[in-house]
Amino acid sequence: MENKLIKWDTMRTAVAECHSVDEITLIRNKAEAYRYALKQAKESPEVIRKAEEIKLRAERRAGELLKETPKAKGGQPYQSTGNKVQPVETSTLEEIGITKNQSSKWQKIASIPEEKFENFLSVQKELSTSGIIKEIRKEERKAAVEKQIKEIEEGEIKTPTGNFDVIVIDPPWDYSEKGGFNYKQHDIEGNRGGVDYSTMSMYEIQNIGLPTKKDCVVFLWTTHAFIRDAFTLLDNWDFQYKATLVWDKMKMGIGRTIRLQCEFCLIGTKGKPVISGSSERDIITESRRQHSRKPDAFYEMVDRMCYGRKLDYFSRENRNGWSSYGAESNKF
């Protein structure tokens, strides 16, 4: 055991003193090989943890070195030599044996303040690259939510003025009500992928005062988990249900009973709005992109079908001819 501790201390010192991506990658790979061999030999968790720690420290140091490497427009590091600027003789990621994905993750680990990194090493039961990346993303989502809540409370998010003929609304459903998350409390452990915006309870959503004209069309986005609630919202907002659009995202998602690939948009009307939808279909097939980003084909359909002032409520993207309301209307 004493010899093993000496070996880990030597490797840890080598990580701290290393100034070459090639060399630090070799140390990282050696630590990973040790980790694998120790697990196969059913060594104690304490010994395996030492190898995991060295591996993460090496990845963090590699990330620091990769971040420090200056890049020219073409991606080739350059150096100044007198009046000339010439390429640095350096190995490519491929030559070193690093993938772009690894480089990205290691630089992300390098961006963590040292105090938080050391805290992660001390409190986590099992150390891994994926584990620390998950913690980083958790912190990023938490910061994004706090920023949005602060902007809303300070009145930086301007409410739309006047009333509208057409309203598209994509409520920030609170999946904690369905056994998932509540991001107001930043509870981001669960079964559903994390979102980077604050959510609202069903009670809060149904008490939104939509700025509708007497004759109005609403397009209400929902998911499998909230499809019943969406019909309740239409009733609560005094809209009559007319039809459901199905968005085939063309990529399989998560799901407990079956894997989910579709999202839904309920169409409701108030009064007698003008709708020209006789040539439109009830299904949109367009590949999903970022979380909560709706298909462009949907907005093109609404523009063809409906007339008058249009509002995108809880928008994350500004569009020509539309008013937008939301904490992240410039997100995409």
C-alpha atoms as a PDB file:
ATOM      1  CA  MET A   1       0.000   0.000   0.000  1.00  0.00           C
ATOM      2  CA  GLU A   2       2.853   2.399   0.850  1.00  0.00           C
ATOM      3  CA  ASN A   3       4.420   1.850  -2.579  1.00  0.00           C
ATOM      4  CA  LYS A   4       1.054   2.501  -4.253  1.00  0.00           C
ATOM      5  CA  LEU A   5       0.636   5.769  -2.345  1.00  0.00           C
ATOM      6  CA  ILE A   6       4.127   6.844  -3.403  1.00  0.00           C
ATOM      7  CA  LYS A   7       3.201   6.036  -7.018  1.00  0.00           C
ATOM      8  CA  TRP A   8      -0.034   8.092  -6.842  1.00  0.00           C
ATOM      9  CA  ASP A   9       1.797  11.036  -5.249  1.00  0.00           C
ATOM     10  CA  THR A  10       4.453  10.869  -7.988  1.00  0.00           C
ATOM     11  CA  MET A  11       1.792  10.863 -10.717  1.00  0.00           C
ATOM     12  CA  ARG A  12      -0.107  13.716  -9.053  1.00  0.00           C
ATOM     13  CA  THR A  13       3.090  15.798  -8.924  1.00  0.00           C
ATOM     14  CA  ALA A  14       3.797  14.965 -12.572  1.00  0.00           C
ATOM     15  CA  VAL A  15       0.314  16.165 -13.530  1.00  0.00           C
ATOM     16  CA  ALA A  16       0.813  19.497 -11.762  1.00  0.00           C
ATOM     17  CA  GLU A  17       4.229  20.077 -13.318  1.00  0.00           C
ATOM     18  CA  CYS A  18       3.407  18.922 -16.849  1.00  0.00           C
ATOM     19  CA  HIS A  19       3.505  21.568 -19.633  1.00  0.00           C
ATOM     20  CA  SER A  20       2.883  19.366 -22.661  1.00  0.00           C
ATOM     21  CA  VAL A  21      -0.452  18.059 -23.907  1.00  0.00           C
ATOM     22  CA  ASP A  22       1.300  14.967 -25.273  1.00  0.00           C
ATOM     23  CA  GLU A  23       2.840  14.134 -21.894  1.00  0.00           C
ATOM     24  CA  ILE A  24      -0.258  14.847 -19.811  1.00  0.00           C
ATOM     25  CA  THR A  25      -2.299  12.665 -22.157  1.00  0.00           C
ATOM     26  CA  LEU A  26       0.118   9.791 -21.560  1.00  0.00           C
ATOM     27  CA  ILE A  27      -0.285  10.237 -17.792  1.00  0.00           C
ATOM     28  CA  ARG A  28      -4.063  10.345 -18.167  1.00  0.00           C
ATOM     29  CA  ASN A  29      -4.097   7.171 -20.276  1.00  0.00           C
ATOM     30  CA  LYS A  30      -1.810   5.399 -17.810  1.00  0.00           C
ATOM     31  CA  ALA A  31      -4.127   6.349 -14.919  1.00  0.00           C
ATOM     32  CA  GLU A  32      -7.120   5.063 -16.888  1.00  0.00           C
ATOM     33  CA  ALA A  33      -5.303   1.796 -17.562  1.00  0.00           C
ATOM     34  CA  TYR A  34      -4.517   1.478 -13.848  1.00  0.00           C
ATOM     35  CA  ARG A  35      -8.138   2.206 -12.973  1.00  0.00           C
ATOM     36  CA  TYR A  36      -9.403  -0.498 -15.313  1.00  0.00           C
ATOM     37  CA  ALA A  37      -6.858  -3.061 -14.102  1.00  0.00           C
ATOM     38  CA  LEU A  38      -7.626  -2.307 -10.456  1.00  0.00           C
ATOM     39  CA  LYS A  39     -11.352  -2.762 -11.031  1.00  0.00           C
ATOM     40  CA  GLN A  40     -10.756  -6.062 -12.805  1.00  0.00           C
ATOM     41  CA  ALA A  41      -8.575  -7.179  -9.894  1.00  0.00           C
ATOM     42  CA  LYS A  42     -11.364  -6.138  -7.485  1.00  0.00           C
ATOM     43  CA  GLU A  43      -9.054  -3.839  -5.557  1.00  0.00           C
ATOM     44  CA  SER A  44     -10.462  -1.730  -2.731  1.00  0.00           C
ATOM     45  CA  PRO A  45     -12.585   1.337  -3.654  1.00  0.00           C
ATOM     46  CA  GLU A  46      -9.975   3.564  -1.995  1.00  0.00           C
ATOM     47  CA  VAL A  47      -7.230   2.373  -4.352  1.00  0.00           C
ATOM     48  CA  ILE A  48      -9.472   2.590  -7.442  1.00  0.00           C
ATOM     49  CA  ARG A  49     -10.471   6.096  -6.399  1.00  0.00           C
ATOM     50  CA  LYS A  50      -6.821   7.176  -6.450  1.00  0.00           C
ATOM     51  CA  ALA A  51      -6.547   6.172 -10.108  1.00  0.00           C
ATOM     52  CA  GLU A  52      -9.821   7.949 -10.893  1.00  0.00           C
ATOM     53  CA  GLU A  53      -8.532  11.089  -9.192  1.00  0.00           C
ATOM     54  CA  ILE A  54      -5.265  11.103 -11.156  1.00  0.00           C
ATOM     55  CA  LYS A  55      -7.216  10.601 -14.394  1.00  0.00           C
ATOM     56  CA  LEU A  56      -9.477  13.596 -13.672  1.00  0.00           C
ATOM     57  CA  ARG A  57      -6.572  15.793 -12.583  1.00  0.00           C
ATOM     58  CA  ALA A  58      -4.754  14.908 -15.794  1.00  0.00           C
ATOM     59  CA  GLU A  59      -7.838  15.715 -17.888  1.00  0.00           C
ATOM     60  CA  ARG A  60      -8.200  19.070 -16.134  1.00  0.00           C
ATOM     61  CA  ARG A  61      -4.528  19.871 -16.746  1.00  0.00           C
ATOM     62  CA  ALA A  62      -4.837  18.787 -20.388  1.00  0.00           C
ATOM     63  CA  GLY A  63      -7.849  21.098 -20.703  1.00  0.00           C
ATOM     64  CA  GLU A  64      -5.827  23.995 -19.290  1.00  0.00           C
ATOM     65  CA  LEU A  65      -3.023  23.383 -21.782  1.00  0.00           C
ATOM     66  CA  LEU A  66      -5.450  23.045 -24.694  1.00  0.00           C
ATOM     67  CA  LYS A  67      -7.153  26.324 -23.714  1.00  0.00           C
ATOM     68  CA  GLU A  68      -3.786  28.087 -23.577  1.00  0.00           C
ATOM     69  CA  THR A  69      -2.756  26.957 -27.064  1.00  0.00           C
ATOM     70  CA  PRO A  70      -3.287  29.886 -29.493  1.00  0.00           C
ATOM     71  CA  LYS A  71      -5.096  28.974 -32.682  1.00  0.00           C
ATOM     72  CA  ALA A  72      -4.959  30.626 -36.091  1.00  0.00           C
ATOM     73  CA  LYS A  73      -8.102  30.893 -38.214  1.00  0.00           C
ATOM     74  CA  GLY A  74      -7.386  27.540 -39.761  1.00  0.00           C
ATOM     75  CA  GLY A  75      -6.899  25.921 -36.382  1.00  0.00           C
ATOM     76  CA  GLN A  76      -3.085  25.681 -36.620  1.00  0.00           C
ATOM     77  CA  PRO A  77      -1.176  27.157 -33.622  1.00  0.00           C
ATOM     78  CA  TYR A  78       1.085  30.046 -34.624  1.00  0.00           C
ATOM     79  CA  GLN A  79       4.078  31.773 -33.066  1.00  0.00           C
ATOM     80  CA  SER A  80       5.790  35.095 -33.740  1.00  0.00           C
ATOM     81  CA  THR A  81       9.403  34.954 -34.924  1.00  0.00           C
ATOM     82  CA  GLY A  82      10.721  38.430 -35.506  1.00  0.00           C
ATOM     83  CA  ASN A  83       8.765  40.071 -38.308  1.00  0.00           C
ATOM     84  CA  LYS A  84       7.223  36.798 -39.406  1.00  0.00           C
ATOM     85  CA  VAL A  85       4.451  34.650 -38.028  1.00  0.00           C
ATOM     86  CA  GLN A  86       5.075  30.967 -38.552  1.00  0.00           C
ATOM     87  CA  PRO A  87       3.263  27.764 -37.601  1.00  0.00           C
ATOM     88  CA  VAL A  88       4.241  26.128 -34.330  1.00  0.00           C
ATOM     89  CA  GLU A  89       5.495  22.572 -34.706  1.00  0.00           C
ATOM     90  CA  THR A  90       2.810  20.822 -32.662  1.00  0.00           C
ATOM     91  CA  SER A  91       0.895  17.582 -32.803  1.00  0.00           C
ATOM     92  CA  THR A  92      -2.732  17.534 -33.881  1.00  0.00           C
ATOM     93  CA  LEU A  93      -5.417  16.104 -31.601  1.00  0.00           C
ATOM     94  CA  GLU A  94      -5.532  13.019 -33.786  1.00  0.00           C
ATOM     95  CA  GLU A  95      -1.774  12.519 -33.527  1.00  0.00           C
ATOM     96  CA  ILE A  96      -1.916  12.797 -29.743  1.00  0.00           C
ATOM     97  CA  GLY A  97      -4.833  10.407 -29.645  1.00  0.00           C
ATOM     98  CA  ILE A  98      -7.446  12.883 -28.389  1.00  0.00           C
ATOM     99  CA  THR A  99     -10.882  13.224 -29.941  1.00  0.00           C
ATOM    100  CA  LYS A 100     -12.594  16.598 -30.375  1.00  0.00           C
ATOM    101  CA  ASN A 101     -15.200  15.469 -27.860  1.00  0.00           C
ATOM    102  CA  GLN A 102     -12.514  14.705 -25.276  1.00  0.00           C
ATOM    103  CA  SER A 103     -10.824  18.049 -25.928  1.00  0.00           C
ATOM    104  CA  SER A 104     -14.121  19.861 -25.411  1.00  0.00           C
ATOM    105  CA  LYS A 105     -14.882  17.996 -22.164  1.00  0.00           C
ATOM    106  CA  TRP A 106     -11.401  18.476 -20.749  1.00  0.00           C
ATOM    107  CA  GLN A 107     -11.477  22.209 -21.450  1.00  0.00           C
ATOM    108  CA  LYS A 108     -14.860  22.352 -19.752  1.00  0.00           C
ATOM    109  CA  ILE A 109     -13.386  20.648 -16.683  1.00  0.00           C
ATOM    110  CA  ALA A 110     -10.513  23.148 -16.784  1.00  0.00           C
ATOM    111  CA  SER A 111     -13.027  26.007 -16.577  1.00  0.00           C
ATOM    112  CA  ILE A 112     -14.213  24.945 -13.110  1.00  0.00           C
ATOM    113  CA  PRO A 113     -12.787  27.079 -10.286  1.00  0.00           C
ATOM    114  CA  GLU A 114     -10.145  25.119  -8.400  1.00  0.00           C
ATOM    115  CA  GLU A 115     -12.105  25.194  -5.136  1.00  0.00           C
ATOM    116  CA  LYS A 116     -15.161  23.590  -6.777  1.00  0.00           C
ATOM    117  CA  PHE A 117     -13.011  21.016  -8.537  1.00  0.00           C
ATOM    118  CA  GLU A 118     -11.326  19.978  -5.287  1.00  0.00           C
ATOM    119  CA  ASN A 119     -14.702  19.847  -3.562  1.00  0.00           C
ATOM    120  CA  PHE A 120     -16.002  17.515  -6.276  1.00  0.00           C
ATOM    121  CA  LEU A 121     -13.022  15.205  -5.741  1.00  0.00           C
ATOM    122  CA  SER A 122     -13.621  15.133  -1.998  1.00  0.00           C
ATOM    123  CA  VAL A 123     -17.397  14.568  -1.892  1.00  0.00           C
ATOM    124  CA  GLN A 124     -18.185  12.326  -4.871  1.00  0.00           C
ATOM    125  CA  LYS A 125     -18.376   8.610  -4.143  1.00  0.00           C
ATOM    126  CA  GLU A 126     -17.231   7.662  -7.639  1.00  0.00           C
ATOM    127  CA  LEU A 127     -15.063   9.934  -9.782  1.00  0.00           C
ATOM    128  CA  SER A 128     -15.585  10.054 -13.537  1.00  0.00           C
ATOM    129  CA  THR A 129     -15.420  12.452 -16.467  1.00  0.00           C
ATOM    130  CA  SER A 130     -19.147  12.111 -17.135  1.00  0.00           C
ATOM    131  CA  GLY A 131     -19.899  12.716 -13.466  1.00  0.00           C
ATOM    132  CA  ILE A 132     -18.020  16.004 -13.277  1.00  0.00           C
ATOM    133  CA  ILE A 133     -19.437  17.168 -16.641  1.00  0.00           C
ATOM    134  CA  LYS A 134     -22.918  16.460 -15.243  1.00  0.00           C
ATOM    135  CA  GLU A 135     -22.123  18.621 -12.207  1.00  0.00           C
ATOM    136  CA  ILE A 136     -20.887  21.442 -14.454  1.00  0.00           C
ATOM    137  CA  ARG A 137     -24.080  21.367 -16.526  1.00  0.00           C
ATOM    138  CA  LYS A 138     -26.142  21.289 -13.344  1.00  0.00           C
ATOM    139  CA  GLU A 139     -24.427  24.473 -12.154  1.00  0.00           C
ATOM    140  CA  GLU A 140     -24.861  26.122 -15.556  1.00  0.00           C
ATOM    141  CA  ARG A 141     -28.598  25.360 -15.570  1.00  0.00           C
ATOM    142  CA  LYS A 142     -28.940  26.612 -12.013  1.00  0.00           C
ATOM    143  CA  ALA A 143     -27.200  29.893 -12.913  1.00  0.00           C
ATOM    144  CA  ALA A 144     -29.368  30.330 -16.030  1.00  0.00           C
ATOM    145  CA  VAL A 145     -32.573  29.825 -14.042  1.00  0.00           C
ATOM    146  CA  GLU A 146     -31.474  32.250 -11.312  1.00  0.00           C
ATOM    147  CA  LYS A 147     -30.629  34.867 -13.948  1.00  0.00           C
ATOM    148  CA  GLN A 148     -34.065  34.542 -15.544  1.00  0.00           C
ATOM    149  CA  ILE A 149     -35.895  34.748 -12.219  1.00  0.00           C
ATOM    150  CA  LYS A 150     -33.925  37.878 -11.299  1.00  0.00           C
ATOM    151  CA  GLU A 151     -34.703  39.543 -14.653  1.00  0.00           C
ATOM    152  CA  ILE A 152     -38.407  38.752 -14.279  1.00  0.00           C
ATOM    153  CA  GLU A 153     -38.520  40.043 -10.691  1.00  0.00           C
ATOM    154  CA  GLU A 154     -36.685  43.245 -11.662  1.00  0.00           C
ATOM    155  CA  GLY A 155     -39.040  43.890 -14.559  1.00  0.00           C
ATOM    156  CA  GLU A 156     -36.429  43.494 -17.297  1.00  0.00           C
ATOM    157  CA  ILE A 157     -38.766  41.189 -19.232  1.00  0.00           C
ATOM    158  CA  LYS A 158     -41.276  43.531 -20.865  1.00  0.00           C
ATOM    159  CA  THR A 159     -44.848  42.300 -21.167  1.00  0.00           C
ATOM    160  CA  PRO A 160     -46.518  42.529 -24.604  1.00  0.00           C
ATOM    161  CA  THR A 161     -48.699  45.581 -25.270  1.00  0.00           C
ATOM    162  CA  GLY A 162     -52.190  45.439 -26.748  1.00  0.00           C
ATOM    163  CA  ASN A 163     -54.241  42.402 -27.726  1.00  0.00           C
ATOM    164  CA  PHE A 164     -53.595  39.764 -30.362  1.00  0.00           C
ATOM    165  CA  ASP A 165     -55.465  37.827 -33.029  1.00  0.00           C
ATOM    166  CA  VAL A 166     -53.124  34.836 -32.825  1.00  0.00           C
ATOM    167  CA  ILE A 167     -51.225  33.507 -29.808  1.00  0.00           C
ATOM    168  CA  VAL A 168     -48.713  30.665 -29.798  1.00  0.00           C
ATOM    169  CA  ILE A 169     -47.857  29.566 -26.255  1.00  0.00           C
ATOM    170  CA  ASP A 170     -45.353  26.957 -25.108  1.00  0.00           C
ATOM    171  CA  PRO A 171     -45.788  26.879 -21.314  1.00  0.00           C
ATOM    172  CA  PRO A 172     -42.750  26.096 -19.142  1.00  0.00           C
ATOM    173  CA  TRP A 173     -44.394  22.973 -17.724  1.00  0.00           C
ATOM    174  CA  ASP A 174     -43.214  21.936 -14.271  1.00  0.00           C
ATOM    175  CA  TYR A 175     -42.310  18.264 -14.533  1.00  0.00           C
ATOM    176  CA  SER A 176     -42.012  17.956 -10.757  1.00  0.00           C
ATOM    177  CA  GLU A 177     -45.812  17.781 -10.852  1.00  0.00           C
ATOM    178  CA  LYS A 178     -45.388  14.602 -12.904  1.00  0.00           C
ATOM    179  CA  GLY A 179     -42.583  13.098 -10.866  1.00  0.00           C
ATOM    180  CA  GLY A 180     -39.784  14.951 -12.644  1.00  0.00           C
ATOM    181  CA  PHE A 181     -38.179  18.285 -11.765  1.00  0.00           C
ATOM    182  CA  ASN A 182     -38.902  21.613 -10.157  1.00  0.00           C
ATOM    183  CA  TYR A 183     -36.274  24.040 -11.338  1.00  0.00           C
ATOM    184  CA  LYS A 184     -37.411  26.785  -9.021  1.00  0.00           C
ATOM    185  CA  GLN A 185     -35.862  24.693  -6.275  1.00  0.00           C
ATOM    186  CA  HIS A 186     -33.114  23.626  -8.701  1.00  0.00           C
ATOM    187  CA  ASP A 187     -33.912  19.964  -8.127  1.00  0.00           C
ATOM    188  CA  ILE A 188     -32.173  18.687 -11.188  1.00  0.00           C
ATOM    189  CA  GLU A 189     -31.905  15.026 -10.330  1.00  0.00           C
ATOM    190  CA  GLY A 190     -34.513  12.913 -12.069  1.00  0.00           C
ATOM    191  CA  ASN A 191     -35.594  11.011 -15.135  1.00  0.00           C
ATOM    192  CA  ARG A 192     -36.001  13.841 -17.626  1.00  0.00           C
ATOM    193  CA  GLY A 193     -33.309  15.852 -19.380  1.00  0.00           C
ATOM    194  CA  GLY A 194     -32.489  19.126 -17.681  1.00  0.00           C
ATOM    195  CA  VAL A 195     -33.897  22.403 -18.900  1.00  0.00           C
ATOM    196  CA  ASP A 196     -32.192  25.757 -18.553  1.00  0.00           C
ATOM    197  CA  TYR A 197     -35.212  27.905 -17.729  1.00  0.00           C
ATOM    198  CA  SER A 198     -37.528  28.387 -14.761  1.00  0.00           C
ATOM    199  CA  THR A 199     -40.783  26.445 -14.787  1.00  0.00           C
ATOM    200  CA  MET A 200     -44.340  27.258 -13.683  1.00  0.00           C
ATOM    201  CA  SER A 201     -46.924  25.185 -11.875  1.00  0.00           C
ATOM    202  CA  MET A 202     -50.245  24.363 -13.508  1.00  0.00           C
ATOM    203  CA  TYR A 203     -51.896  26.856 -11.148  1.00  0.00           C
ATOM    204  CA  GLU A 204     -49.550  29.624 -12.293  1.00  0.00           C
ATOM    205  CA  ILE A 205     -49.996  28.805 -15.983  1.00  0.00           C
ATOM    206  CA  GLN A 206     -53.804  28.734 -15.879  1.00  0.00           C
ATOM    207  CA  ASN A 207     -53.806  32.164 -14.221  1.00  0.00           C
ATOM    208  CA  ILE A 208     -51.891  33.776 -17.081  1.00  0.00           C
ATOM    209  CA  GLY A 209     -54.044  36.534 -18.540  1.00  0.00           C
ATOM    210  CA  LEU A 210     -53.592  36.022 -22.269  1.00  0.00           C
ATOM    211  CA  PRO A 211     -53.848  39.319 -24.202  1.00  0.00           C
ATOM    212  CA  THR A 212     -56.511  38.103 -26.640  1.00  0.00           C
ATOM    213  CA  LYS A 213     -58.835  39.989 -28.946  1.00  0.00           C
ATOM    214  CA  LYS A 214     -62.526  39.094 -29.013  1.00  0.00           C
ATOM    215  CA  ASP A 215     -61.816  36.831 -31.996  1.00  0.00           C
ATOM    216  CA  CYS A 216     -58.612  34.886 -31.412  1.00  0.00           C
ATOM    217  CA  VAL A 217     -56.791  31.657 -32.261  1.00  0.00           C
ATOM    218  CA  VAL A 218     -54.462  29.964 -29.761  1.00  0.00           C
ATOM    219  CA  PHE A 219     -51.851  27.314 -30.511  1.00  0.00           C
ATOM    220  CA  LEU A 220     -50.979  25.565 -27.239  1.00  0.00           C
ATOM    221  CA  TRP A 221     -47.908  23.325 -27.160  1.00  0.00           C
ATOM    222  CA  THR A 222     -47.879  20.331 -24.848  1.00  0.00           C
ATOM    223  CA  THR A 223     -46.281  16.924 -24.332  1.00  0.00           C
ATOM    224  CA  HIS A 224     -47.537  13.458 -23.443  1.00  0.00           C
ATOM    225  CA  ALA A 225     -47.185  14.254 -19.742  1.00  0.00           C
ATOM    226  CA  PHE A 226     -49.388  17.375 -19.890  1.00  0.00           C
ATOM    227  CA  ILE A 227     -51.845  16.642 -22.676  1.00  0.00           C
ATOM    228  CA  ARG A 228     -54.831  16.418 -20.263  1.00  0.00           C
ATOM    229  CA  ASP A 229     -53.751  19.646 -18.578  1.00  0.00           C
ATOM    230  CA  ALA A 230     -53.564  21.391 -21.958  1.00  0.00           C
ATOM    231  CA  PHE A 231     -57.279  20.739 -22.566  1.00  0.00           C
ATOM    232  CA  THR A 232     -57.997  22.106 -19.083  1.00  0.00           C
ATOM    233  CA  LEU A 233     -56.044  25.251 -19.957  1.00  0.00           C
ATOM    234  CA  LEU A 234     -58.078  25.815 -23.116  1.00  0.00           C
ATOM    235  CA  ASP A 235     -61.287  25.597 -21.084  1.00  0.00           C
ATOM    236  CA  ASN A 236     -59.897  27.887 -18.399  1.00  0.00           C
ATOM    237  CA  TRP A 237     -58.884  30.496 -20.995  1.00  0.00           C
ATOM    238  CA  ASP A 238     -62.333  30.287 -22.678  1.00  0.00           C
ATOM    239  CA  PHE A 239     -61.100  28.712 -25.915  1.00  0.00           C
ATOM    240  CA  GLN A 240     -62.934  25.997 -27.795  1.00  0.00           C
ATOM    241  CA  TYR A 241     -60.809  23.043 -28.823  1.00  0.00           C
ATOM    242  CA  LYS A 242     -60.674  22.560 -32.605  1.00  0.00           C
ATOM    243  CA  ALA A 243     -57.805  20.241 -33.541  1.00  0.00           C
ATOM    244  CA  THR A 244     -54.409  18.833 -32.578  1.00  0.00           C
ATOM    245  CA  LEU A 245     -51.214  19.215 -34.564  1.00  0.00           C
ATOM    246  CA  VAL A 246     -48.675  16.409 -34.190  1.00  0.00           C
ATOM    247  CA  TRP A 247     -45.005  17.190 -34.548  1.00  0.00           C
ATOM    248  CA  ASP A 248     -42.959  14.151 -35.584  1.00  0.00           C
ATOM    249  CA  LYS A 249     -39.459  15.057 -34.401  1.00  0.00           C
ATOM    250  CA  MET A 250     -37.886  12.286 -36.509  1.00  0.00           C
ATOM    251  CA  LYS A 251     -35.648  11.289 -33.589  1.00  0.00           C
ATOM    252  CA  MET A 252     -36.525   8.938 -30.775  1.00  0.00           C
ATOM    253  CA  GLY A 253     -36.638  10.521 -27.339  1.00  0.00           C
ATOM    254  CA  ILE A 254     -36.946   9.244 -23.786  1.00  0.00           C
ATOM    255  CA  GLY A 255     -39.955   7.520 -22.243  1.00  0.00           C
ATOM    256  CA  ARG A 256     -40.907   5.060 -19.527  1.00  0.00           C
ATOM    257  CA  THR A 257     -43.655   3.077 -21.275  1.00  0.00           C
ATOM    258  CA  ILE A 258     -42.571   3.653 -24.879  1.00  0.00           C
ATOM    259  CA  ARG A 259     -39.925   5.883 -26.434  1.00  0.00           C
ATOM    260  CA  LEU A 260     -41.472   9.249 -27.331  1.00  0.00           C
ATOM    261  CA  GLN A 261     -40.926  10.964 -30.670  1.00  0.00           C
ATOM    262  CA  CYS A 262     -43.881  13.357 -30.986  1.00  0.00           C
ATOM    263  CA  GLU A 263     -45.023  16.614 -29.444  1.00  0.00           C
ATOM    264  CA  PHE A 264     -48.486  18.119 -29.694  1.00  0.00           C
ATOM    265  CA  CYS A 265     -50.036  21.517 -30.341  1.00  0.00           C
ATOM    266  CA  LEU A 266     -53.722  22.066 -29.514  1.00  0.00           C
ATOM    267  CA  ILE A 267     -55.608  24.593 -31.621  1.00  0.00           C
ATOM    268  CA  GLY A 268     -58.375  26.550 -29.907  1.00  0.00           C
ATOM    269  CA  THR A 269     -60.557  29.490 -30.925  1.00  0.00           C
ATOM    270  CA  LYS A 270     -62.416  32.281 -29.202  1.00  0.00           C
ATOM    271  CA  GLY A 271     -65.146  34.156 -31.059  1.00  0.00           C
ATOM    272  CA  LYS A 272     -65.006  33.899 -34.857  1.00  0.00           C
ATOM    273  CA  PRO A 273     -61.401  34.365 -36.016  1.00  0.00           C
ATOM    274  CA  VAL A 274     -60.508  34.009 -39.690  1.00  0.00           C
ATOM    275  CA  ILE A 275     -58.609  30.757 -40.317  1.00  0.00           C
ATOM    276  CA  SER A 276     -57.505  29.485 -43.721  1.00  0.00           C
ATOM    277  CA  GLY A 277     -56.397  25.960 -42.931  1.00  0.00           C
ATOM    278  CA  SER A 278     -58.158  23.908 -45.604  1.00  0.00           C
ATOM    279  CA  SER A 279     -54.851  23.071 -47.320  1.00  0.00           C
ATOM    280  CA  GLU A 280     -52.935  22.352 -44.111  1.00  0.00           C
ATOM    281  CA  ARG A 281     -52.353  18.951 -42.522  1.00  0.00           C
ATOM    282  CA  ASP A 282     -52.380  17.948 -38.883  1.00  0.00           C
ATOM    283  CA  ILE A 283     -48.831  16.589 -38.874  1.00  0.00           C
ATOM    284  CA  ILE A 284     -45.468  18.329 -39.130  1.00  0.00           C
ATOM    285  CA  THR A 285     -42.364  16.277 -39.861  1.00  0.00           C
ATOM    286  CA  GLU A 286     -39.203  18.136 -39.009  1.00  0.00           C
ATOM    287  CA  SER A 287     -36.147  17.035 -37.051  1.00  0.00           C
ATOM    288  CA  ARG A 288     -35.931  18.352 -33.498  1.00  0.00           C
ATOM    289  CA  ARG A 289     -33.151  20.794 -32.622  1.00  0.00           C
ATOM    290  CA  GLN A 290     -32.401  22.425 -29.269  1.00  0.00           C
ATOM    291  CA  HIS A 291     -34.621  21.696 -26.280  1.00  0.00           C
ATOM    292  CA  SER A 292     -37.992  23.535 -26.506  1.00  0.00           C
ATOM    293  CA  ARG A 293     -37.207  24.969 -29.958  1.00  0.00           C
ATOM    294  CA  LYS A 294     -40.227  24.480 -32.203  1.00  0.00           C
ATOM    295  CA  PRO A 295     -40.084  23.625 -35.933  1.00  0.00           C
ATOM    296  CA  ASP A 296     -39.869  26.441 -38.474  1.00  0.00           C
ATOM    297  CA  ALA A 297     -42.540  24.638 -40.518  1.00  0.00           C
ATOM    298  CA  PHE A 298     -45.009  25.258 -37.701  1.00  0.00           C
ATOM    299  CA  TYR A 299     -44.620  29.044 -37.807  1.00  0.00           C
ATOM    300  CA  GLU A 300     -44.802  29.018 -41.579  1.00  0.00           C
ATOM    301  CA  MET A 301     -48.093  27.120 -41.284  1.00  0.00           C
ATOM    302  CA  VAL A 302     -49.499  29.608 -38.763  1.00  0.00           C
ATOM    303  CA  ASP A 303     -48.533  32.523 -41.036  1.00  0.00           C
ATOM    304  CA  ARG A 304     -50.395  30.872 -43.912  1.00  0.00           C
ATOM    305  CA  MET A 305     -53.471  30.051 -41.824  1.00  0.00           C
ATOM    306  CA  CYS A 306     -53.992  33.116 -39.657  1.00  0.00           C
ATOM    307  CA  TYR A 307     -54.214  36.880 -39.984  1.00  0.00           C
ATOM    308  CA  GLY A 308     -53.664  39.845 -37.674  1.00  0.00           C
ATOM    309  CA  ARG A 309     -51.323  40.507 -34.770  1.00  0.00           C
ATOM    310  CA  LYS A 310     -49.360  37.460 -33.671  1.00  0.00           C
ATOM    311  CA  LEU A 311     -47.743  36.817 -30.287  1.00  0.00           C
ATOM    312  CA  ASP A 312     -45.236  34.097 -29.450  1.00  0.00           C
ATOM    313  CA  TYR A 313     -45.682  33.669 -25.682  1.00  0.00           C
ATOM    314  CA  PHE A 314     -42.661  32.235 -23.817  1.00  0.00           C
ATOM    315  CA  SER A 315     -40.731  32.643 -27.047  1.00  0.00           C
ATOM    316  CA  ARG A 316     -37.056  31.730 -27.296  1.00  0.00           C
ATOM    317  CA  GLU A 317     -36.641  33.163 -30.790  1.00  0.00           C
ATOM    318  CA  ASN A 318     -37.678  36.444 -32.453  1.00  0.00           C
ATOM    319  CA  ARG A 319     -39.535  36.252 -35.783  1.00  0.00           C
ATOM    320  CA  ASN A 320     -40.432  38.811 -38.416  1.00  0.00           C
ATOM    321  CA  GLY A 321     -44.063  39.882 -38.129  1.00  0.00           C
ATOM    322  CA  TRP A 322     -44.410  38.482 -34.605  1.00  0.00           C
ATOM    323  CA  SER A 323     -44.303  39.966 -31.122  1.00  0.00           C
ATOM    324  CA  SER A 324     -42.289  37.925 -28.668  1.00  0.00           C
ATOM    325  CA  TYR A 325     -42.545  37.543 -24.919  1.00  0.00           C
ATOM    326  CA  GLY A 326     -40.243  35.510 -22.715  1.00  0.00           C
ATOM    327  CA  ALA A 327     -37.120  35.540 -20.609  1.00  0.00           C
ATOM    328  CA  GLU A 328     -35.079  34.163 -23.528  1.00  0.00           C
ATOM    329  CA  SER A 329     -36.668  35.602 -26.664  1.00  0.00           C
ATOM    330  CA  ASN A 330     -33.168  35.907 -28.200  1.00  0.00           C
ATOM    331  CA  LYS A 331     -32.065  32.385 -27.271  1.00  0.00           C
ATOM    332  CA  PHE A 332     -31.990  31.026 -30.849  1.00  0.00           C
END
